[in-house]
C-alpha cells in the first residue's frame, strides 16, 4: 500500500540484531494502527535502490531500520529525485550500532522512535548536498575530514566488526599516527581561501557523531544552514587532554576551535580525501557543499 510506511531493514545492523528485533517492533507498530510494509536489504547500497524504486512507484513514507548508515542509504535513494517531487517522510527504528542523528532528539532510542510513529509526530529537516568529482551525495547528519574521518576510515577498514572497542582502538591508533593538514576551502562569500592546517573539519546538520560525541552543539536540523566546526592544529597531548570536551560540546570553546553557520562551502582540494559521512567512509574529490532547506520530513 502506497500510503503505508516502507520499513527498509538492514539485517546486518547492530551485529545482526536488527533481524531478531524487527518482528516484535513492527508488530507493536501495527497493533497501534501504523501501517507498515517490509523490505530487507541483501547487501551494501541496496537500501538506496529500494528507496529510489519505491519513491518512483509513489511511496512517500519510509522507516530506516538499522543505524545511521541505513538512513544515509535511504536518503541517497530519495534524493535528488525528491527535490522536484513530493516531499518524503523518514522515520527511524534505531536497531544499528550507531544512531547519532536520532540522538539529536532523544537518548531513548527505539522507544522514542516508536512513540513518534504512533503519535504521527514529524518536522521538516534540511538535507545537505555534497557535489564531488564522481557525482552527488546527500546526508542529514555529518560530513567530516581530518582526524574524525581518519578514525572512521581505520575503524571501517580494520575493526568494523569490533563494535565500540573497535571505535576506541581506532581513536588511539589515529592519535599515534597524528596528522594535521590543510583542507583548502572557501565559506560563503569569503574572499580568501582558508588554507590553514587543522586537526579536523566537520560540516553538520545535527549535533552528534559516534553515538554520543557532540561535535556540533550549535547545529539545528531545520535552520537551512551548515554548521561548520573547525579545530586547528592542536597537538597530540592537547587533544588527549581535551577529548572529553568532544562529548559535551565544550571543545568549541578551545582557542584553536571555531564554528560558524554557512550556506555554501567551496572546496579547493588538490586530491581526493577520506571523508566520513553519516557513519559511512568514502574517498571523494569534494567540490561544493550546500543545503536543501526543509527537503525532508522526519518522524521524531
C-alpha atoms as a PDB file:
ATOM      1  CA  UNK A   1       0.000   0.000   0.000  1.00  0.00           C
ATOM      2  CA  UNK A   2       1.475   3.338  -1.049  1.00  0.00           C
ATOM      3  CA  UNK A   3       0.087   5.129   2.000  1.00  0.00           C
ATOM      4  CA  UNK A   4       1.888   2.697   4.328  1.00  0.00           C
ATOM      5  CA  UNK A   5       5.393   3.197   5.648  1.00  0.00           C
ATOM      6  CA  UNK A   6       8.008   1.113   3.883  1.00  0.00           C
ATOM      7  CA  UNK A   7      10.414  -0.210   6.525  1.00  0.00           C
ATOM      8  CA  UNK A   8      13.781  -0.782   4.862  1.00  0.00           C
ATOM      9  CA  UNK A   9      15.719  -3.179   7.055  1.00  0.00           C
ATOM     10  CA  UNK A  10      19.445  -3.724   7.193  1.00  0.00           C
ATOM     11  CA  UNK A  11      19.558  -7.188   8.826  1.00  0.00           C
ATOM     12  CA  UNK A  12      23.310  -6.860   9.432  1.00  0.00           C
ATOM     13  CA  UNK A  13      22.954  -3.661  11.501  1.00  0.00           C
ATOM     14  CA  UNK A  14      23.930  -3.869  15.138  1.00  0.00           C
ATOM     15  CA  UNK A  15      25.887  -7.056  14.580  1.00  0.00           C
ATOM     16  CA  UNK A  16      22.796  -8.745  13.148  1.00  0.00           C
ATOM     17  CA  UNK A  17      20.406  -7.860  15.961  1.00  0.00           C
ATOM     18  CA  UNK A  18      18.072  -5.997  13.591  1.00  0.00           C
ATOM     19  CA  UNK A  19      16.765  -9.266  12.172  1.00  0.00           C
ATOM     20  CA  UNK A  20      15.756 -10.556  15.613  1.00  0.00           C
ATOM     21  CA  UNK A  21      14.180  -7.295  16.806  1.00  0.00           C
ATOM     22  CA  UNK A  22      12.335  -6.095  13.727  1.00  0.00           C
ATOM     23  CA  UNK A  23       9.430  -8.529  14.002  1.00  0.00           C
ATOM     24  CA  UNK A  24       8.313  -7.504  17.503  1.00  0.00           C
ATOM     25  CA  UNK A  25       8.877  -3.819  16.696  1.00  0.00           C
ATOM     26  CA  UNK A  26       6.716  -3.914  13.565  1.00  0.00           C
ATOM     27  CA  UNK A  27       4.041  -5.947  15.359  1.00  0.00           C
ATOM     28  CA  UNK A  28       3.962  -3.260  18.039  1.00  0.00           C
ATOM     29  CA  UNK A  29       3.510  -0.506  15.455  1.00  0.00           C
ATOM     30  CA  UNK A  30       0.803  -2.365  13.541  1.00  0.00           C
ATOM     31  CA  UNK A  31      -1.120  -3.096  16.730  1.00  0.00           C
ATOM     32  CA  UNK A  32      -1.259   0.679  17.323  1.00  0.00           C
ATOM     33  CA  UNK A  33      -2.560   1.456  13.864  1.00  0.00           C
ATOM     34  CA  UNK A  34       0.650   2.212  11.965  1.00  0.00           C
ATOM     35  CA  UNK A  35       0.550   0.576   8.523  1.00  0.00           C
ATOM     36  CA  UNK A  36       3.975  -0.835   7.641  1.00  0.00           C
ATOM     37  CA  UNK A  37       5.345  -2.877   4.738  1.00  0.00           C
ATOM     38  CA  UNK A  38       8.762  -4.516   4.870  1.00  0.00           C
ATOM     39  CA  UNK A  39      11.749  -4.622   2.522  1.00  0.00           C
ATOM     40  CA  UNK A  40      15.044  -6.239   3.558  1.00  0.00           C
ATOM     41  CA  UNK A  41      18.414  -5.337   2.107  1.00  0.00           C
ATOM     42  CA  UNK A  42      20.768  -8.031   0.891  1.00  0.00           C
ATOM     43  CA  UNK A  43      23.998  -6.033   0.841  1.00  0.00           C
ATOM     44  CA  UNK A  44      25.626  -2.605   0.769  1.00  0.00           C
ATOM     45  CA  UNK A  45      23.852   0.178  -1.169  1.00  0.00           C
ATOM     46  CA  UNK A  46      20.687  -1.894  -1.619  1.00  0.00           C
ATOM     47  CA  UNK A  47      18.721   0.386   0.712  1.00  0.00           C
ATOM     48  CA  UNK A  48      19.425   3.184  -1.758  1.00  0.00           C
ATOM     49  CA  UNK A  49      17.999   1.163  -4.652  1.00  0.00           C
ATOM     50  CA  UNK A  50      14.965   0.058  -2.629  1.00  0.00           C
ATOM     51  CA  UNK A  51      14.153   3.624  -1.572  1.00  0.00           C
ATOM     52  CA  UNK A  52      14.638   5.004  -5.092  1.00  0.00           C
ATOM     53  CA  UNK A  53      12.407   2.376  -6.670  1.00  0.00           C
ATOM     54  CA  UNK A  54       9.734   2.807  -4.002  1.00  0.00           C
ATOM     55  CA  UNK A  55       9.717   6.591  -4.397  1.00  0.00           C
ATOM     56  CA  UNK A  56       9.303   6.225  -8.159  1.00  0.00           C
ATOM     57  CA  UNK A  57       6.378   3.855  -7.520  1.00  0.00           C
ATOM     58  CA  UNK A  58       4.648   6.538  -5.467  1.00  0.00           C
ATOM     59  CA  UNK A  59       5.675   5.754  -1.904  1.00  0.00           C
ATOM     60  CA  UNK A  60       6.474   8.753   0.271  1.00  0.00           C
ATOM     61  CA  UNK A  61       6.841   7.308   3.788  1.00  0.00           C
ATOM     62  CA  UNK A  62       9.873   5.296   4.866  1.00  0.00           C
ATOM     63  CA  UNK A  63      11.381   3.834   8.033  1.00  0.00           C
ATOM     64  CA  UNK A  64      15.131   3.290   8.336  1.00  0.00           C
ATOM     65  CA  UNK A  65      15.591   0.110  10.366  1.00  0.00           C
ATOM     66  CA  UNK A  66      19.247  -0.047  11.347  1.00  0.00           C
ATOM     67  CA  UNK A  67      21.850   2.570  12.114  1.00  0.00           C
ATOM     68  CA  UNK A  68      22.999   5.855  10.627  1.00  0.00           C
ATOM     69  CA  UNK A  69      24.323   4.031   7.567  1.00  0.00           C
ATOM     70  CA  UNK A  70      20.857   2.697   6.729  1.00  0.00           C
ATOM     71  CA  UNK A  71      19.224   6.126   6.874  1.00  0.00           C
ATOM     72  CA  UNK A  72      22.113   7.543   4.828  1.00  0.00           C
ATOM     73  CA  UNK A  73      21.493   4.998   2.080  1.00  0.00           C
ATOM     74  CA  UNK A  74      17.751   5.689   2.102  1.00  0.00           C
ATOM     75  CA  UNK A  75      18.287   9.467   1.876  1.00  0.00           C
ATOM     76  CA  UNK A  76      20.500   8.896  -1.157  1.00  0.00           C
ATOM     77  CA  UNK A  77      17.759   6.811  -2.730  1.00  0.00           C
ATOM     78  CA  UNK A  78      15.228   9.609  -2.239  1.00  0.00           C
ATOM     79  CA  UNK A  79      17.451  12.427  -3.467  1.00  0.00           C
ATOM     80  CA  UNK A  80      17.959  14.137  -5.833  1.00  0.00           C
ATOM     81  CA  UNK A  81      14.631  12.845  -7.227  1.00  0.00           C
ATOM     82  CA  UNK A  82      12.635  14.185  -4.267  1.00  0.00           C
ATOM     83  CA  UNK A  83      13.918  17.709  -4.958  1.00  0.00           C
ATOM     84  CA  UNK A  84      11.373  18.024  -7.768  1.00  0.00           C
ATOM     85  CA  UNK A  85       8.764  15.612  -6.421  1.00  0.00           C
ATOM     86  CA  UNK A  86       6.585  15.367  -3.331  1.00  0.00           C
ATOM     87  CA  UNK A  87       8.498  15.702  -0.057  1.00  0.00           C
ATOM     88  CA  UNK A  88       9.223  12.287   1.513  1.00  0.00           C
ATOM     89  CA  UNK A  89       8.946  11.365   5.186  1.00  0.00           C
ATOM     90  CA  UNK A  90      11.598   9.357   7.023  1.00  0.00           C
ATOM     91  CA  UNK A  91      11.151   7.643  10.388  1.00  0.00           C
ATOM     92  CA  UNK A  92      13.672   5.589  12.331  1.00  0.00           C
ATOM     93  CA  UNK A  93      13.873   2.303  14.201  1.00  0.00           C
ATOM     94  CA  UNK A  94      17.417   2.545  15.581  1.00  0.00           C
ATOM     95  CA  UNK A  95      18.497  -1.076  15.753  1.00  0.00           C
ATOM     96  CA  UNK A  96      22.028  -0.500  14.456  1.00  0.00           C
ATOM     97  CA  UNK A  97      25.417   0.201  16.018  1.00  0.00           C
ATOM     98  CA  UNK A  98      25.404   3.975  15.654  1.00  0.00           C
ATOM     99  CA  UNK A  99      22.334   6.200  15.812  1.00  0.00           C
ATOM    100  CA  UNK A 100      23.837   9.641  16.083  1.00  0.00           C
ATOM    101  CA  UNK A 101      21.126  11.502  14.186  1.00  0.00           C
ATOM    102  CA  UNK A 102      18.279  10.379  16.455  1.00  0.00           C
ATOM    103  CA  UNK A 103      20.350  11.370  19.496  1.00  0.00           C
ATOM    104  CA  UNK A 104      19.565  14.958  18.454  1.00  0.00           C
ATOM    105  CA  UNK A 105      16.045  14.363  19.789  1.00  0.00           C
ATOM    106  CA  UNK A 106      16.279  11.623  22.412  1.00  0.00           C
ATOM    107  CA  UNK A 107      18.504   9.167  24.240  1.00  0.00           C
ATOM    108  CA  UNK A 108      15.636   6.666  24.471  1.00  0.00           C
ATOM    109  CA  UNK A 109      16.254   5.134  21.062  1.00  0.00           C
ATOM    110  CA  UNK A 110      13.666   2.622  19.845  1.00  0.00           C
ATOM    111  CA  UNK A 111      11.029   3.514  22.447  1.00  0.00           C
ATOM    112  CA  UNK A 112      11.019   7.178  21.431  1.00  0.00           C
ATOM    113  CA  UNK A 113      11.086   6.314  17.733  1.00  0.00           C
ATOM    114  CA  UNK A 114       8.039   4.055  18.063  1.00  0.00           C
ATOM    115  CA  UNK A 115       6.158   6.636  20.120  1.00  0.00           C
ATOM    116  CA  UNK A 116       6.821   9.251  17.426  1.00  0.00           C
ATOM    117  CA  UNK A 117       5.497   6.926  14.703  1.00  0.00           C
ATOM    118  CA  UNK A 118       2.368   6.059  16.682  1.00  0.00           C
ATOM    119  CA  UNK A 119       1.712   9.725  17.525  1.00  0.00           C
ATOM    120  CA  UNK A 120       2.450  10.840  13.959  1.00  0.00           C
ATOM    121  CA  UNK A 121       4.954  13.468  15.063  1.00  0.00           C
ATOM    122  CA  UNK A 122       7.075  14.972  12.306  1.00  0.00           C
ATOM    123  CA  UNK A 123       9.053  18.076  11.455  1.00  0.00           C
ATOM    124  CA  UNK A 124      10.999  19.471   8.497  1.00  0.00           C
ATOM    125  CA  UNK A 125      14.656  18.554   8.151  1.00  0.00           C
ATOM    126  CA  UNK A 126      17.336  20.035   5.915  1.00  0.00           C
ATOM    127  CA  UNK A 127      19.282  17.789   3.567  1.00  0.00           C
ATOM    128  CA  UNK A 128      22.922  18.631   2.893  1.00  0.00           C
ATOM    129  CA  UNK A 129      24.287  18.025  -0.609  1.00  0.00           C
ATOM    130  CA  UNK A 130      27.908  17.311  -1.485  1.00  0.00           C
ATOM    131  CA  UNK A 131      28.972  17.620  -5.105  1.00  0.00           C
ATOM    132  CA  UNK A 132      32.216  15.760  -5.805  1.00  0.00           C
ATOM    133  CA  UNK A 133      34.152  14.727  -8.885  1.00  0.00           C
ATOM    134  CA  UNK A 134      32.308  11.414  -9.211  1.00  0.00           C
ATOM    135  CA  UNK A 135      28.770  12.651  -8.562  1.00  0.00           C
ATOM    136  CA  UNK A 136      26.484  13.941  -5.805  1.00  0.00           C
ATOM    137  CA  UNK A 137      25.591  12.588  -2.377  1.00  0.00           C
ATOM    138  CA  UNK A 138      23.127  13.730   0.279  1.00  0.00           C
ATOM    139  CA  UNK A 139      23.150  13.446   4.068  1.00  0.00           C
ATOM    140  CA  UNK A 140      21.293  14.592   7.177  1.00  0.00           C
ATOM    141  CA  UNK A 141      23.863  14.268   9.955  1.00  0.00           C
ATOM    142  CA  UNK A 142      27.579  14.966   9.465  1.00  0.00           C
ATOM    143  CA  UNK A 143      30.370  15.051   6.926  1.00  0.00           C
ATOM    144  CA  UNK A 144      33.941  15.320   8.183  1.00  0.00           C
ATOM    145  CA  UNK A 145      37.542  15.282   7.016  1.00  0.00           C
ATOM    146  CA  UNK A 146      40.752  15.060   9.009  1.00  0.00           C
ATOM    147  CA  UNK A 147      41.066  13.287  12.369  1.00  0.00           C
ATOM    148  CA  UNK A 148      37.401  12.319  12.689  1.00  0.00           C
ATOM    149  CA  UNK A 149      37.351  10.832   9.194  1.00  0.00           C
ATOM    150  CA  UNK A 150      40.702   9.120   9.800  1.00  0.00           C
ATOM    151  CA  UNK A 151      39.232   7.386  12.866  1.00  0.00           C
ATOM    152  CA  UNK A 152      36.121   6.288  10.958  1.00  0.00           C
ATOM    153  CA  UNK A 153      38.189   5.075   7.994  1.00  0.00           C
ATOM    154  CA  UNK A 154      40.507   2.998  10.179  1.00  0.00           C
ATOM    155  CA  UNK A 155      37.571   1.547  12.099  1.00  0.00           C
ATOM    156  CA  UNK A 156      35.699   0.513   8.959  1.00  0.00           C
ATOM    157  CA  UNK A 157      38.691  -0.949   7.172  1.00  0.00           C
ATOM    158  CA  UNK A 158      40.310  -2.724  10.112  1.00  0.00           C
ATOM    159  CA  UNK A 159      37.929  -3.056  13.071  1.00  0.00           C
ATOM    160  CA  UNK A 160      34.453  -2.962  11.551  1.00  0.00           C
ATOM    161  CA  UNK A 161      33.178  -5.972  13.499  1.00  0.00           C
ATOM    162  CA  UNK A 162      34.584  -4.918  16.871  1.00  0.00           C
ATOM    163  CA  UNK A 163      31.784  -2.566  17.910  1.00  0.00           C
ATOM    164  CA  UNK A 164      32.619   0.128  20.487  1.00  0.00           C
ATOM    165  CA  UNK A 165      36.058  -1.361  21.360  1.00  0.00           C
ATOM    166  CA  UNK A 166      36.987  -1.054  17.679  1.00  0.00           C
ATOM    167  CA  UNK A 167      35.982   2.604  17.724  1.00  0.00           C
ATOM    168  CA  UNK A 168      38.097   3.340  20.794  1.00  0.00           C
ATOM    169  CA  UNK A 169      41.083   1.441  19.377  1.00  0.00           C
ATOM    170  CA  UNK A 170      40.779   3.407  16.143  1.00  0.00           C
ATOM    171  CA  UNK A 171      40.950   6.652  18.132  1.00  0.00           C
ATOM    172  CA  UNK A 172      44.117   5.501  19.895  1.00  0.00           C
ATOM    173  CA  UNK A 173      45.839   4.363  16.702  1.00  0.00           C
ATOM    174  CA  UNK A 174      44.897   7.561  14.880  1.00  0.00           C
ATOM    175  CA  UNK A 175      46.401   9.507  17.766  1.00  0.00           C
ATOM    176  CA  UNK A 176      49.654   7.627  17.280  1.00  0.00           C
ATOM    177  CA  UNK A 177      49.671   8.432  13.549  1.00  0.00           C
ATOM    178  CA  UNK A 178      48.583  12.011  14.255  1.00  0.00           C
ATOM    179  CA  UNK A 179      48.216  14.198  11.184  1.00  0.00           C
ATOM    180  CA  UNK A 180      47.379  17.899  10.918  1.00  0.00           C
ATOM    181  CA  UNK A 181      46.971  19.182   7.381  1.00  0.00           C
ATOM    182  CA  UNK A 182      45.075  21.779   5.353  1.00  0.00           C
ATOM    183  CA  UNK A 183      41.809  21.157   3.506  1.00  0.00           C
ATOM    184  CA  UNK A 184      41.579  24.368   1.435  1.00  0.00           C
ATOM    185  CA  UNK A 185      38.074  25.802   1.161  1.00  0.00           C
ATOM    186  CA  UNK A 186      36.041  28.973   0.863  1.00  0.00           C
ATOM    187  CA  UNK A 187      32.995  29.606   3.075  1.00  0.00           C
ATOM    188  CA  UNK A 188      30.055  31.534   1.594  1.00  0.00           C
ATOM    189  CA  UNK A 189      31.258  34.850   0.175  1.00  0.00           C
ATOM    190  CA  UNK A 190      34.641  34.942   1.899  1.00  0.00           C
ATOM    191  CA  UNK A 191      37.302  36.439  -0.369  1.00  0.00           C
ATOM    192  CA  UNK A 192      40.191  34.266   0.796  1.00  0.00           C
ATOM    193  CA  UNK A 193      40.567  30.513   0.568  1.00  0.00           C
ATOM    194  CA  UNK A 194      41.272  29.067   4.017  1.00  0.00           C
ATOM    195  CA  UNK A 195      44.462  27.003   3.709  1.00  0.00           C
ATOM    196  CA  UNK A 196      45.311  26.748   7.394  1.00  0.00           C
ATOM    197  CA  UNK A 197      46.295  23.297   8.692  1.00  0.00           C
ATOM    198  CA  UNK A 198      43.770  21.734  11.028  1.00  0.00           C
ATOM    199  CA  UNK A 199      43.055  18.629  13.049  1.00  0.00           C
ATOM    200  CA  UNK A 200      39.577  18.193  11.564  1.00  0.00           C
ATOM    201  CA  UNK A 201      36.703  19.935   9.820  1.00  0.00           C
ATOM    202  CA  UNK A 202      33.068  18.888  10.181  1.00  0.00           C
ATOM    203  CA  UNK A 203      30.043  20.062   8.213  1.00  0.00           C
ATOM    204  CA  UNK A 204      26.994  19.310  10.287  1.00  0.00           C
ATOM    205  CA  UNK A 205      23.240  19.237  10.098  1.00  0.00           C
ATOM    206  CA  UNK A 206      22.795  17.773  13.595  1.00  0.00           C
ATOM    207  CA  UNK A 207      24.775  17.755  16.809  1.00  0.00           C
ATOM    208  CA  UNK A 208      26.111  14.244  17.370  1.00  0.00           C
ATOM    209  CA  UNK A 209      28.506  11.778  15.801  1.00  0.00           C
ATOM    210  CA  UNK A 210      29.829   8.441  17.039  1.00  0.00           C
ATOM    211  CA  UNK A 211      26.623   7.950  19.013  1.00  0.00           C
ATOM    212  CA  UNK A 212      27.439  10.308  21.908  1.00  0.00           C
ATOM    213  CA  UNK A 213      30.076  12.771  20.637  1.00  0.00           C
ATOM    214  CA  UNK A 214      28.544  16.266  20.486  1.00  0.00           C
ATOM    215  CA  UNK A 215      30.708  17.540  17.676  1.00  0.00           C
ATOM    216  CA  UNK A 216      28.417  20.441  16.681  1.00  0.00           C
ATOM    217  CA  UNK A 217      26.492  21.676  19.732  1.00  0.00           C
ATOM    218  CA  UNK A 218      25.034  24.667  17.872  1.00  0.00           C
ATOM    219  CA  UNK A 219      23.644  22.694  14.904  1.00  0.00           C
ATOM    220  CA  UNK A 220      19.915  22.743  14.112  1.00  0.00           C
ATOM    221  CA  UNK A 221      18.370  20.322  11.624  1.00  0.00           C
ATOM    222  CA  UNK A 222      15.880  22.828  10.219  1.00  0.00           C
ATOM    223  CA  UNK A 223      17.693  26.183  10.039  1.00  0.00           C
ATOM    224  CA  UNK A 224      18.716  25.956   6.376  1.00  0.00           C
ATOM    225  CA  UNK A 225      22.401  26.191   7.312  1.00  0.00           C
ATOM    226  CA  UNK A 226      25.549  24.086   7.501  1.00  0.00           C
ATOM    227  CA  UNK A 227      27.107  24.119  10.965  1.00  0.00           C
ATOM    228  CA  UNK A 228      30.838  24.273  10.191  1.00  0.00           C
ATOM    229  CA  UNK A 229      33.202  23.267  13.003  1.00  0.00           C
ATOM    230  CA  UNK A 230      36.964  23.590  12.656  1.00  0.00           C
ATOM    231  CA  UNK A 231      39.610  22.518  15.141  1.00  0.00           C
ATOM    232  CA  UNK A 232      43.008  23.942  14.312  1.00  0.00           C
ATOM    233  CA  UNK A 233      46.446  22.344  14.706  1.00  0.00           C
ATOM    234  CA  UNK A 234      46.160  21.238  18.330  1.00  0.00           C
ATOM    235  CA  UNK A 235      48.971  18.928  19.478  1.00  0.00           C
ATOM    236  CA  UNK A 236      48.636  15.268  20.397  1.00  0.00           C
ATOM    237  CA  UNK A 237      48.821  15.880  24.158  1.00  0.00           C
ATOM    238  CA  UNK A 238      46.412  18.784  23.875  1.00  0.00           C
ATOM    239  CA  UNK A 239      43.927  16.624  22.013  1.00  0.00           C
ATOM    240  CA  UNK A 240      44.179  13.822  24.583  1.00  0.00           C
ATOM    241  CA  UNK A 241      43.543  16.304  27.364  1.00  0.00           C
ATOM    242  CA  UNK A 242      40.575  17.767  25.533  1.00  0.00           C
ATOM    243  CA  UNK A 243      38.979  14.547  24.216  1.00  0.00           C
ATOM    244  CA  UNK A 244      36.267  14.642  26.924  1.00  0.00           C
ATOM    245  CA  UNK A 245      35.153  18.049  25.647  1.00  0.00           C
ATOM    246  CA  UNK A 246      34.152  16.460  22.320  1.00  0.00           C
ATOM    247  CA  UNK A 247      31.442  14.575  24.199  1.00  0.00           C
ATOM    248  CA  UNK A 248      29.832  17.581  25.893  1.00  0.00           C
ATOM    249  CA  UNK A 249      30.354  20.112  23.096  1.00  0.00           C
ATOM    250  CA  UNK A 250      32.677  22.397  25.031  1.00  0.00           C
ATOM    251  CA  UNK A 251      35.530  21.764  22.558  1.00  0.00           C
ATOM    252  CA  UNK A 252      34.238  24.700  20.518  1.00  0.00           C
ATOM    253  CA  UNK A 253      35.396  26.969  23.365  1.00  0.00           C
ATOM    254  CA  UNK A 254      39.027  25.913  22.848  1.00  0.00           C
ATOM    255  CA  UNK A 255      41.273  28.709  21.489  1.00  0.00           C
ATOM    256  CA  UNK A 256      42.079  26.633  18.386  1.00  0.00           C
ATOM    257  CA  UNK A 257      38.435  25.775  17.658  1.00  0.00           C
ATOM    258  CA  UNK A 258      35.991  27.726  15.501  1.00  0.00           C
ATOM    259  CA  UNK A 259      32.397  27.333  14.444  1.00  0.00           C
ATOM    260  CA  UNK A 260      30.155  29.236  12.076  1.00  0.00           C
ATOM    261  CA  UNK A 261      26.937  28.779  10.168  1.00  0.00           C
ATOM    262  CA  UNK A 262      27.204  28.708   6.388  1.00  0.00           C
ATOM    263  CA  UNK A 263      25.065  28.242   3.304  1.00  0.00           C
ATOM    264  CA  UNK A 264      27.769  27.034   0.942  1.00  0.00           C
ATOM    265  CA  UNK A 265      31.249  25.527   1.125  1.00  0.00           C
ATOM    266  CA  UNK A 266      33.552  25.567  -1.892  1.00  0.00           C
ATOM    267  CA  UNK A 267      36.425  23.071  -1.667  1.00  0.00           C
ATOM    268  CA  UNK A 268      39.820  23.652  -3.277  1.00  0.00           C
ATOM    269  CA  UNK A 269      41.449  20.295  -2.588  1.00  0.00           C
ATOM    270  CA  UNK A 270      44.420  19.146  -4.617  1.00  0.00           C
ATOM    271  CA  UNK A 271      43.489  15.458  -4.373  1.00  0.00           C
ATOM    272  CA  UNK A 272      40.697  13.200  -3.117  1.00  0.00           C
ATOM    273  CA  UNK A 273      40.355  12.841   0.649  1.00  0.00           C
ATOM    274  CA  UNK A 274      38.929  10.246   3.011  1.00  0.00           C
ATOM    275  CA  UNK A 275      35.517  11.506   4.083  1.00  0.00           C
ATOM    276  CA  UNK A 276      33.210  10.269   6.816  1.00  0.00           C
ATOM    277  CA  UNK A 277      29.566  10.968   6.002  1.00  0.00           C
ATOM    278  CA  UNK A 278      26.772   9.796   8.321  1.00  0.00           C
ATOM    279  CA  UNK A 279      28.942   6.965   9.603  1.00  0.00           C
ATOM    280  CA  UNK A 280      29.989   5.783   6.143  1.00  0.00           C
ATOM    281  CA  UNK A 281      33.505   6.156   4.747  1.00  0.00           C
ATOM    282  CA  UNK A 282      34.276   7.178   1.176  1.00  0.00           C
ATOM    283  CA  UNK A 283      37.181   8.712  -0.704  1.00  0.00           C
ATOM    284  CA  UNK A 284      35.979  11.762  -2.625  1.00  0.00           C
ATOM    285  CA  UNK A 285      37.321  14.739  -4.536  1.00  0.00           C
ATOM    286  CA  UNK A 286      34.991  17.241  -2.847  1.00  0.00           C
ATOM    287  CA  UNK A 287      33.869  20.306  -4.829  1.00  0.00           C
ATOM    288  CA  UNK A 288      30.913  22.061  -3.177  1.00  0.00           C
ATOM    289  CA  UNK A 289      28.568  21.619  -0.244  1.00  0.00           C
ATOM    290  CA  UNK A 290      25.175  23.299   0.077  1.00  0.00           C
ATOM    291  CA  UNK A 291      21.758  22.892   1.721  1.00  0.00           C
ATOM    292  CA  UNK A 292      18.303  21.792   0.587  1.00  0.00           C
ATOM    293  CA  UNK A 293      16.225  23.566   3.280  1.00  0.00           C
ATOM    294  CA  UNK A 294      13.409  21.507   4.781  1.00  0.00           C
ATOM    295  CA  UNK A 295      13.565  18.986   1.934  1.00  0.00           C
ATOM    296  CA  UNK A 296      12.678  16.011   4.151  1.00  0.00           C
ATOM    297  CA  UNK A 297      10.084  15.335   6.837  1.00  0.00           C
ATOM    298  CA  UNK A 298      11.421  13.324   9.769  1.00  0.00           C
ATOM    299  CA  UNK A 299       9.349  11.445  12.340  1.00  0.00           C
ATOM    300  CA  UNK A 300      10.840  12.249  15.717  1.00  0.00           C
END
